[in-house]
């Protein structure tokens, strides 16, 4: 795979337009939805509880999301400032949201009786969001998928014997046909998000799976043929070196300390996170992130040149629960006034003051005040460059002090040479993370 846009300011001239939207839009919505929503205790419940297909069948037999309104999901995503969506068309459980022609394990065969993917794609497109498809390389339901370290039957006494009649070649052919359906039946798809490889994860003599198992090169070739402008992520176990830069890399549930690189070269990247500790709907999960954490995840990603893909796990009835709605509204309330510090913005070359993060867009420097100080922020490096400063949420002026030699340090603020000091209100504005827009001189 080759990268189209490696980082803001480092573009291949012939490829500028291909994926530029991704690093401009910055914020996307991840949706994990499948049969596991009925279990309501983590999307890996089949794996964690080592359930057989027969035991898991109760979720298929009772799957009927009668309150499913994808237009409402799409509306809330747009209001939250999200510009693209990635939805789990098929997760590890093997269940398909669309009417796949090569599988009976799909929404149309449940009590729901409907294709759930088409109306979702249509709804998000209508709200102006780009479309991404998550597709699991793993399939715990398919009879040809060999049992391995992640399979629910990994501890079965006859696991190796059960694998004797399973054909990985048959399974990879099945995958390609499903990917073909996804990339030919829903119009333009902007992202193909494969998940995931584990070639070195052997368990009790059961080998892991990587690119040779998935036939990754052949799979990517098909994707490129069907959707030439698509972004493909980095989880197919393809070579990662200076000659094979992925379209994007995908750190999960953490924000990198520094921007990711491969062979010393910058790469496009997107951190994916949950609002809580689970990707799928989890009724009793209680580690939901605070509003400050939610906003800082976005700021930290953009400040390092990356995107943020934030996840919701809809319920078994097809709704977003109150906690997910409240979390989306945190973004909605913040982005409506601070969005220009995110869209089209990226890293700054200036060192940010303590407790703050910078993003920058042209001559606009955005100071995100993550730890509200008492009255002053001292800034290095822009003393002779600053033309104006204002809070972004209300355009109220922020004044600053420059270096003055004669200052009584007992009662006045001493500003060293080369520094400016912003004067802040004692009380933090009623904004989750206030942003100061600094206009730099031409």
Protein backbone atom coordinates (compact mmCIF):
# COMPACT_ATOMS: atom_id res chain seq x y z
CA UNK A 1 0.00 0.00 0.00
CA UNK A 2 1.16 3.54 -0.62
CA UNK A 3 0.25 6.61 1.34
CA UNK A 4 -1.41 9.58 -0.29
CA UNK A 5 -0.95 12.24 2.34
CA UNK A 6 1.66 11.61 4.97
CA UNK A 7 1.12 14.61 7.19
CA UNK A 8 0.15 18.24 6.95
CA UNK A 9 2.81 19.96 4.90
CA UNK A 10 4.31 16.74 3.48
CA UNK A 11 2.31 15.92 0.37
CA UNK A 12 3.07 14.01 -2.77
CA UNK A 13 2.09 16.54 -5.49
CA UNK A 14 0.33 14.01 -7.71
CA UNK A 15 -1.70 12.70 -4.79
CA UNK A 16 -2.74 15.87 -2.96
CA UNK A 17 -6.46 15.57 -3.65
CA UNK A 18 -6.91 11.85 -3.13
CA UNK A 19 -7.13 11.63 0.65
CA UNK A 20 -6.75 15.26 1.72
CA UNK A 21 -10.28 15.24 3.14
CA UNK A 22 -9.27 12.78 5.86
CA UNK A 23 -6.62 14.95 7.52
CA UNK A 24 -8.88 17.98 7.17
CA UNK A 25 -11.99 16.47 8.77
CA UNK A 26 -10.23 15.05 11.85
CA UNK A 27 -13.24 13.61 13.73
CA UNK A 28 -15.26 10.50 12.86
CA UNK A 29 -17.85 8.21 14.42
CA UNK A 30 -17.17 4.49 14.96
CA UNK A 31 -20.24 2.25 15.34
CA UNK A 32 -19.99 -1.25 16.79
CA UNK A 33 -23.33 -2.99 16.38
CA UNK A 34 -24.23 -6.64 16.10
CA UNK A 35 -25.80 -9.58 17.89
CA UNK A 36 -23.62 -8.90 20.94
CA UNK A 37 -25.81 -5.85 21.68
CA UNK A 38 -28.43 -8.27 23.02
CA UNK A 39 -25.94 -9.87 25.40
CA UNK A 40 -25.11 -6.28 26.45
CA UNK A 41 -21.85 -7.29 28.12
CA UNK A 42 -19.06 -6.62 25.61
CA UNK A 43 -18.69 -7.33 21.90
CA UNK A 44 -16.25 -10.18 22.64
CA UNK A 45 -18.71 -12.02 24.89
CA UNK A 46 -18.72 -15.11 22.64
CA UNK A 47 -14.96 -15.29 23.04
CA UNK A 48 -14.81 -14.38 26.72
CA UNK A 49 -17.48 -16.86 27.75
CA UNK A 50 -16.35 -19.50 25.23
CA UNK A 51 -19.85 -19.87 23.84
CA UNK A 52 -20.63 -22.40 21.14
CA UNK A 53 -22.61 -21.46 18.04
CA UNK A 54 -25.63 -23.17 19.58
CA UNK A 55 -25.37 -21.14 22.78
CA UNK A 56 -24.88 -17.89 20.85
CA UNK A 57 -27.83 -18.63 18.58
CA UNK A 58 -30.28 -17.09 21.06
CA UNK A 59 -29.06 -13.64 20.07
CA UNK A 60 -29.63 -14.33 16.38
CA UNK A 61 -33.10 -15.74 17.09
CA UNK A 62 -34.10 -12.64 19.08
CA UNK A 63 -32.40 -9.86 17.12
CA UNK A 64 -35.14 -7.36 16.26
CA UNK A 65 -34.04 -3.69 16.52
CA UNK A 66 -37.54 -2.29 16.14
CA UNK A 67 -36.51 1.24 17.21
CA UNK A 68 -33.69 1.50 14.66
CA UNK A 69 -33.59 5.02 13.22
CA UNK A 70 -30.29 5.54 11.40
CA UNK A 71 -31.36 9.06 10.45
CA UNK A 72 -31.27 9.93 14.15
CA UNK A 73 -27.80 8.42 14.54
CA UNK A 74 -26.60 10.40 11.53
CA UNK A 75 -28.17 13.62 12.77
CA UNK A 76 -26.47 13.32 16.15
CA UNK A 77 -23.13 12.53 14.50
CA UNK A 78 -23.37 15.63 12.30
CA UNK A 79 -24.31 17.82 15.26
CA UNK A 80 -21.34 16.40 17.18
CA UNK A 81 -19.05 17.69 14.42
CA UNK A 82 -18.20 14.28 12.99
CA UNK A 83 -17.38 14.20 9.30
CA UNK A 84 -17.24 10.47 8.56
CA UNK A 85 -18.56 7.20 9.95
CA UNK A 86 -17.07 3.70 10.15
CA UNK A 87 -19.60 0.94 10.87
CA UNK A 88 -19.03 -2.72 11.71
CA UNK A 89 -20.53 -4.46 8.70
CA UNK A 90 -19.32 -7.76 10.20
CA UNK A 91 -17.58 -8.13 13.55
CA UNK A 92 -15.71 -11.17 14.89
CA UNK A 93 -18.97 -12.99 15.60
CA UNK A 94 -19.48 -13.27 11.83
CA UNK A 95 -22.94 -11.65 11.74
CA UNK A 96 -23.62 -9.40 8.71
CA UNK A 97 -25.68 -6.22 8.83
CA UNK A 98 -26.37 -6.41 5.10
CA UNK A 99 -28.10 -8.98 2.89
CA UNK A 100 -24.95 -10.88 1.94
CA UNK A 101 -25.45 -13.33 -0.91
CA UNK A 102 -22.78 -15.71 0.42
CA UNK A 103 -24.00 -16.01 4.02
CA UNK A 104 -27.18 -16.94 5.85
CA UNK A 105 -25.84 -15.39 9.05
CA UNK A 106 -27.26 -11.93 8.39
CA UNK A 107 -29.84 -9.41 9.55
CA UNK A 108 -32.35 -10.34 6.87
CA UNK A 109 -32.68 -13.83 8.39
CA UNK A 110 -33.31 -12.62 11.94
CA UNK A 111 -36.73 -11.49 13.25
CA UNK A 112 -35.65 -8.05 12.05
CA UNK A 113 -35.88 -9.31 8.47
CA UNK A 114 -34.22 -6.25 6.93
CA UNK A 115 -30.95 -5.07 5.48
CA UNK A 116 -29.67 -2.66 8.14
CA UNK A 117 -26.63 -1.33 6.31
CA UNK A 118 -28.26 0.34 3.30
CA UNK A 119 -30.46 2.72 5.33
CA UNK A 120 -27.49 3.58 7.54
CA UNK A 121 -25.31 4.46 4.54
CA UNK A 122 -28.12 6.51 3.03
CA UNK A 123 -28.80 8.34 6.30
CA UNK A 124 -25.19 9.33 6.95
CA UNK A 125 -24.64 10.39 3.36
CA UNK A 126 -27.73 12.58 3.58
CA UNK A 127 -26.16 14.35 6.57
CA UNK A 128 -22.95 14.94 4.60
CA UNK A 129 -20.74 12.32 6.26
CA UNK A 130 -18.35 10.09 4.36
CA UNK A 131 -18.75 6.33 4.66
CA UNK A 132 -16.33 3.76 6.04
CA UNK A 133 -16.83 0.01 6.42
CA UNK A 134 -15.25 -2.02 9.21
CA UNK A 135 -14.86 -5.67 8.26
CA UNK A 136 -13.48 -8.30 10.63
CA UNK A 137 -10.95 -10.72 9.19
CA UNK A 138 -11.95 -13.00 12.06
CA UNK A 139 -15.16 -15.04 11.95
CA UNK A 140 -16.16 -17.21 14.90
CA UNK A 141 -19.25 -18.53 13.11
CA UNK A 142 -17.92 -19.55 9.71
CA UNK A 143 -17.35 -23.35 9.53
CA UNK A 144 -14.08 -22.95 7.60
CA UNK A 145 -12.45 -20.43 9.96
CA UNK A 146 -9.74 -22.37 11.87
CA UNK A 147 -9.86 -22.33 15.66
CA UNK A 148 -7.03 -20.19 17.11
CA UNK A 149 -6.06 -18.18 20.20
CA UNK A 150 -9.07 -15.85 19.86
CA UNK A 151 -11.66 -18.43 18.91
CA UNK A 152 -14.38 -19.31 21.46
CA UNK A 153 -13.50 -23.01 21.03
CA UNK A 154 -9.78 -22.54 21.75
CA UNK A 155 -10.02 -24.63 24.93
CA UNK A 156 -12.21 -27.34 23.43
CA UNK A 157 -10.65 -30.74 24.03
CA UNK A 158 -10.91 -31.55 20.32
CA UNK A 159 -9.88 -28.15 18.96
CA UNK A 160 -7.10 -29.51 16.76
CA UNK A 161 -9.30 -32.29 15.44
CA UNK A 162 -12.07 -29.81 14.67
CA UNK A 163 -9.59 -27.80 12.60
CA UNK A 164 -8.81 -30.79 10.38
CA UNK A 165 -11.86 -30.18 8.19
CA UNK A 166 -11.59 -26.38 8.09
CA UNK A 167 -10.20 -24.69 4.99
CA UNK A 168 -8.62 -21.26 5.24
CA UNK A 169 -8.61 -21.04 1.44
CA UNK A 170 -12.39 -21.44 1.42
CA UNK A 171 -12.72 -18.82 4.12
CA UNK A 172 -10.53 -16.23 2.36
CA UNK A 173 -12.54 -16.74 -0.83
CA UNK A 174 -15.67 -16.08 1.24
CA UNK A 175 -14.11 -12.90 2.65
CA UNK A 176 -13.27 -11.59 -0.79
CA UNK A 177 -16.82 -12.15 -1.98
CA UNK A 178 -18.19 -10.26 1.01
CA UNK A 179 -15.74 -7.41 0.48
CA UNK A 180 -16.77 -7.35 -3.18
CA UNK A 181 -20.41 -7.01 -2.11
CA UNK A 182 -19.58 -4.18 0.28
CA UNK A 183 -17.55 -2.27 -2.28
CA UNK A 184 -19.96 -2.68 -5.20
CA UNK A 185 -23.37 -2.48 -3.56
CA UNK A 186 -23.26 0.79 -1.59
CA UNK A 187 -21.75 3.41 -3.85
CA UNK A 188 -18.50 5.19 -3.05
CA UNK A 189 -16.87 3.93 0.14
CA UNK A 190 -14.17 6.16 1.60
CA UNK A 191 -12.54 3.88 4.19
CA UNK A 192 -12.02 0.11 4.44
CA UNK A 193 -11.20 -0.70 8.06
CA UNK A 194 -9.97 -4.30 8.39
CA UNK A 195 -9.51 -5.89 11.81
CA UNK A 196 -7.09 -7.61 12.71
CA UNK A 197 -3.92 -9.76 12.40
CA UNK A 198 -2.03 -11.76 15.04
CA UNK A 199 0.54 -13.97 13.27
CA UNK A 200 2.71 -14.55 16.36
CA UNK A 201 -0.09 -15.30 18.81
CA UNK A 202 0.13 -19.06 19.14
CA UNK A 203 -2.02 -20.84 21.73
CA UNK A 204 -1.80 -24.50 22.72
CA UNK A 205 -0.36 -25.41 19.36
CA UNK A 206 -2.97 -23.35 17.48
CA UNK A 207 -1.17 -20.80 15.24
CA UNK A 208 -2.13 -17.16 14.87
CA UNK A 209 -3.12 -15.55 11.59
CA UNK A 210 -1.44 -12.99 9.36
CA UNK A 211 -1.14 -11.90 5.77
CA UNK A 212 -0.44 -15.38 4.41
CA UNK A 213 -3.65 -16.63 6.02
CA UNK A 214 -5.80 -13.71 4.89
CA UNK A 215 -4.09 -13.57 1.47
CA UNK A 216 -3.78 -9.89 2.27
CA UNK A 217 -2.07 -8.78 -0.94
CA UNK A 218 -4.86 -10.33 -3.01
CA UNK A 219 -7.49 -8.78 -0.76
CA UNK A 220 -6.00 -5.30 -1.03
CA UNK A 221 -5.67 -5.67 -4.79
CA UNK A 222 -9.41 -6.37 -4.94
CA UNK A 223 -10.19 -3.36 -2.75
CA UNK A 224 -8.07 -1.04 -4.91
CA UNK A 225 -9.63 -2.39 -8.08
CA UNK A 226 -13.18 -1.80 -6.83
CA UNK A 227 -12.62 1.52 -5.02
CA UNK A 228 -9.39 3.19 -6.27
CA UNK A 229 -9.67 6.23 -3.99
CA UNK A 230 -10.41 4.34 -0.78
CA UNK A 231 -8.32 4.56 2.41
CA UNK A 232 -7.24 1.15 3.75
CA UNK A 233 -5.97 0.77 7.31
CA UNK A 234 -2.89 -1.07 8.55
CA UNK A 235 -4.24 -4.26 10.18
CA UNK A 236 -3.69 -6.76 7.36
CA UNK A 237 -0.14 -7.62 8.46
CA UNK A 238 1.36 -6.21 5.27
CA UNK A 239 5.00 -5.04 5.32
CA UNK A 240 5.52 -1.80 7.20
CA UNK A 241 8.62 -0.04 5.92
CA UNK A 242 9.59 2.99 3.89
CA UNK A 243 8.54 1.28 0.66
CA UNK A 244 5.18 0.09 1.98
CA UNK A 245 3.59 2.94 3.92
CA UNK A 246 -0.06 2.23 4.80
CA UNK A 247 -2.83 4.69 4.03
CA UNK A 248 -3.24 5.11 7.78
CA UNK A 249 -2.20 3.53 11.06
CA UNK A 250 -4.70 2.97 13.84
CA UNK A 251 -3.57 3.20 17.49
CA UNK A 252 -6.37 1.80 19.64
CA UNK A 253 -7.47 3.06 23.06
CA UNK A 254 -4.43 5.26 23.52
CA UNK A 255 -3.02 8.50 22.15
CA UNK A 256 0.59 8.28 20.96
CA UNK A 257 3.14 10.36 22.83
CA UNK A 258 4.59 11.52 19.50
CA UNK A 259 3.20 11.29 16.00
CA UNK A 260 3.65 7.77 14.55
CA UNK A 261 6.32 7.19 11.93
CA UNK A 262 7.39 4.21 9.83
CA UNK A 263 11.06 3.94 8.87
CA UNK A 264 11.45 7.52 10.06
CA UNK A 265 8.72 8.82 7.76
CA UNK A 266 5.49 10.42 8.99
CA UNK A 267 2.26 8.55 8.31
CA UNK A 268 -1.40 9.40 8.37
CA UNK A 269 -2.97 8.10 11.57
CA UNK A 270 -6.21 7.86 13.44
CA UNK A 271 -6.66 6.98 17.11
CA UNK A 272 -9.80 4.98 17.84
CA UNK A 273 -11.41 5.21 21.27
CA UNK A 274 -14.55 4.28 23.13
CA UNK A 275 -16.65 6.61 25.24
CA UNK A 276 -16.73 3.80 27.79
CA UNK A 277 -14.60 0.68 28.23
CA UNK A 278 -16.47 -1.39 25.63
CA UNK A 279 -16.95 -1.09 21.88
CA UNK A 280 -20.30 -2.89 21.79
CA UNK A 281 -23.26 -1.93 23.95
CA UNK A 282 -22.50 -2.82 27.57
CA UNK A 283 -25.41 -2.19 29.91
CA UNK A 284 -23.42 -2.41 33.17
CA UNK A 285 -20.09 -0.90 32.07
CA UNK A 286 -19.28 2.10 34.26
CA UNK A 287 -15.99 3.63 33.13
CA UNK A 288 -17.44 6.30 30.86
CA UNK A 289 -15.02 9.11 30.12
CA UNK A 290 -15.57 12.59 31.52
CA UNK A 291 -16.32 15.53 29.19
CA UNK A 292 -12.76 16.78 29.72
CA UNK A 293 -11.29 13.43 28.72
CA UNK A 294 -13.50 13.23 25.65
CA UNK A 295 -12.44 16.66 24.39
CA UNK A 296 -8.77 16.19 25.27
CA UNK A 297 -8.63 12.97 23.24
CA UNK A 298 -9.57 14.99 20.17
CA UNK A 299 -7.20 17.86 20.94
CA UNK A 300 -4.28 15.54 21.68
CA UNK A 301 -4.79 13.67 18.40
CA UNK A 302 -5.00 16.77 16.21
CA UNK A 303 -2.08 18.43 18.03
CA UNK A 304 0.04 15.49 16.84
CA UNK A 305 -1.40 15.53 13.30
CA UNK A 306 -3.87 12.67 13.74
CA UNK A 307 -7.60 11.99 13.60
CA UNK A 308 -9.96 10.67 16.25
CA UNK A 309 -12.55 7.96 15.66
CA UNK A 310 -14.93 7.85 18.65
CA UNK A 311 -17.16 4.84 19.13
CA UNK A 312 -20.78 4.27 20.10
CA UNK A 313 -22.38 0.87 20.67
CA UNK A 314 -26.12 0.99 19.91
CA UNK A 315 -28.56 -1.13 21.92
CA UNK A 316 -30.29 -4.29 20.75
CA UNK A 317 -33.38 -2.24 19.93
CA UNK A 318 -31.37 0.00 17.66
CA UNK A 319 -31.10 3.08 19.85
CA UNK A 320 -28.28 5.13 21.30
CA UNK A 321 -28.60 5.00 25.06
CA UNK A 322 -28.63 8.14 27.23
CA UNK A 323 -24.94 7.85 28.09
CA UNK A 324 -23.90 7.72 24.44
CA UNK A 325 -26.16 10.64 23.57
CA UNK A 326 -24.71 12.70 26.43
CA UNK A 327 -21.17 11.93 25.24
CA UNK A 328 -21.99 12.97 21.68
CA UNK A 329 -23.50 16.19 23.02
CA UNK A 330 -20.18 17.00 24.70
CA UNK A 331 -18.64 17.16 21.23
CA UNK A 332 -21.65 18.99 19.86
CA UNK A 333 -21.43 21.76 22.44
CA UNK A 334 -17.66 22.13 22.13
CA UNK A 335 -17.25 21.81 18.37
CA UNK A 336 -19.94 24.32 17.50
CA UNK A 337 -17.74 27.09 18.91
CA UNK A 338 -14.26 25.55 18.72
CA UNK A 339 -14.41 23.57 15.49
CA UNK A 340 -12.05 25.81 13.60
CA UNK A 341 -9.24 24.77 15.95
CA UNK A 342 -9.81 21.20 14.68
CA UNK A 343 -10.97 21.16 11.04
CA UNK A 344 -8.08 21.74 8.69
CA UNK A 345 -5.75 22.20 11.65
CA UNK A 346 -2.71 20.19 12.60
CA UNK A 347 0.49 20.31 14.59
CA UNK A 348 2.29 23.54 15.38
CA UNK A 349 6.03 24.04 15.41
CA UNK A 350 5.78 26.25 18.48
CA UNK A 351 6.27 24.70 21.93
CA UNK A 352 3.01 24.80 23.89
CA UNK A 353 2.94 26.24 27.41
CA UNK A 354 2.59 23.87 30.37
CA UNK A 355 -0.90 22.36 30.62
CA UNK A 356 -1.83 23.42 27.09
CA UNK A 357 -1.90 22.02 23.56
CA UNK A 358 -1.43 23.84 20.27
CA UNK A 359 -3.06 23.21 16.94
CA UNK A 360 -2.43 25.47 13.99
CA UNK A 361 -4.13 26.41 10.74
CA UNK A 362 -2.21 28.88 8.61
CA UNK A 363 -1.49 32.00 10.66
CA UNK A 364 -4.02 30.98 13.33
CA UNK A 365 -2.50 29.37 16.40
CA UNK A 366 -5.00 27.65 18.71
CA UNK A 367 -4.08 27.40 22.37
CA UNK A 368 -6.18 24.73 24.11
CA UNK A 369 -6.05 25.43 27.83
CA UNK A 370 -6.37 21.97 29.34
CA UNK A 371 -5.35 23.01 32.87
CA UNK A 372 -6.87 26.36 33.77
CA UNK A 373 -4.26 28.53 35.56
CA UNK A 374 -4.67 31.51 37.83
CA UNK A 375 -4.83 34.63 35.64
CA UNK A 376 -1.80 34.11 33.39
CA UNK A 377 -0.29 31.87 30.73
CA UNK A 378 3.36 32.48 29.83
CA UNK A 379 4.23 31.76 26.20
CA UNK A 380 7.66 31.43 24.59
CA UNK A 381 8.52 31.84 20.96
CA UNK A 382 5.87 34.25 19.65
CA UNK A 383 6.65 37.54 21.42
CA UNK A 384 7.26 39.44 18.19
CA UNK A 385 4.78 37.45 16.10
CA UNK A 386 1.43 37.92 17.80
CA UNK A 387 -1.07 40.34 16.22
CA UNK A 388 -4.26 39.57 18.16
CA UNK A 389 -5.74 37.06 20.58
CA UNK A 390 -9.28 36.08 21.48
CA UNK A 391 -11.28 33.33 23.10
CA UNK A 392 -12.70 31.18 20.35
CA UNK A 393 -16.03 30.43 22.03
CA UNK A 394 -17.18 34.06 22.18
CA UNK A 395 -14.55 36.14 20.29
CA UNK A 396 -13.77 38.11 23.46
CA UNK A 397 -10.36 39.76 23.36
CA UNK A 398 -7.49 38.28 25.34
CA UNK A 399 -4.87 40.87 26.21
CA UNK A 400 -1.22 40.13 26.84
CA UNK A 401 1.78 41.57 28.61
CA UNK A 402 5.13 41.99 26.93
CA UNK A 403 8.57 42.31 28.45
CA UNK A 404 9.02 45.41 30.64
CA UNK A 405 12.30 45.86 32.43
CA UNK A 406 11.09 47.92 35.37
CA UNK A 407 8.56 45.76 37.21
CA UNK A 408 8.17 45.33 40.94
CA UNK A 409 8.21 41.54 41.11
CA UNK A 410 6.35 41.57 44.44
CA UNK A 411 3.19 43.07 43.00
CA UNK A 412 3.60 42.87 39.20
CA UNK A 413 3.99 40.17 36.61
CA UNK A 414 7.54 39.91 35.39
CA UNK A 415 7.72 38.96 31.72
CA UNK A 416 11.16 37.82 30.53
CA UNK A 417 12.49 38.89 27.16
CA UNK A 418 11.21 36.77 24.29
CA UNK A 419 8.01 35.88 26.15
CA UNK A 420 4.46 37.19 26.30
CA UNK A 421 1.97 36.59 29.09
CA UNK A 422 -1.73 36.20 28.35
CA UNK A 423 -4.08 37.76 30.89
CA UNK A 424 -6.97 35.43 31.70
CA UNK A 425 -10.13 35.73 33.77
CA UNK A 426 -9.84 34.19 37.23
CA UNK A 427 -12.75 31.85 36.53
CA UNK A 428 -12.57 29.46 33.61
CA UNK A 429 -15.18 30.20 30.93
CA UNK A 430 -18.08 27.76 30.83
CA UNK A 431 -16.39 25.70 28.14
CA UNK A 432 -15.09 22.17 28.69
CA UNK A 433 -11.65 23.09 27.34
CA UNK A 434 -11.33 26.82 26.48
CA UNK A 435 -9.47 27.72 23.31
CA UNK A 436 -7.59 30.94 22.64
CA UNK A 437 -7.14 31.86 18.99
CA UNK A 438 -3.87 33.68 18.43
CA UNK A 439 -3.52 35.53 15.14
CA UNK A 440 0.10 35.63 14.03
CA UNK A 441 1.57 38.44 11.99
CA UNK A 442 2.14 37.70 8.29
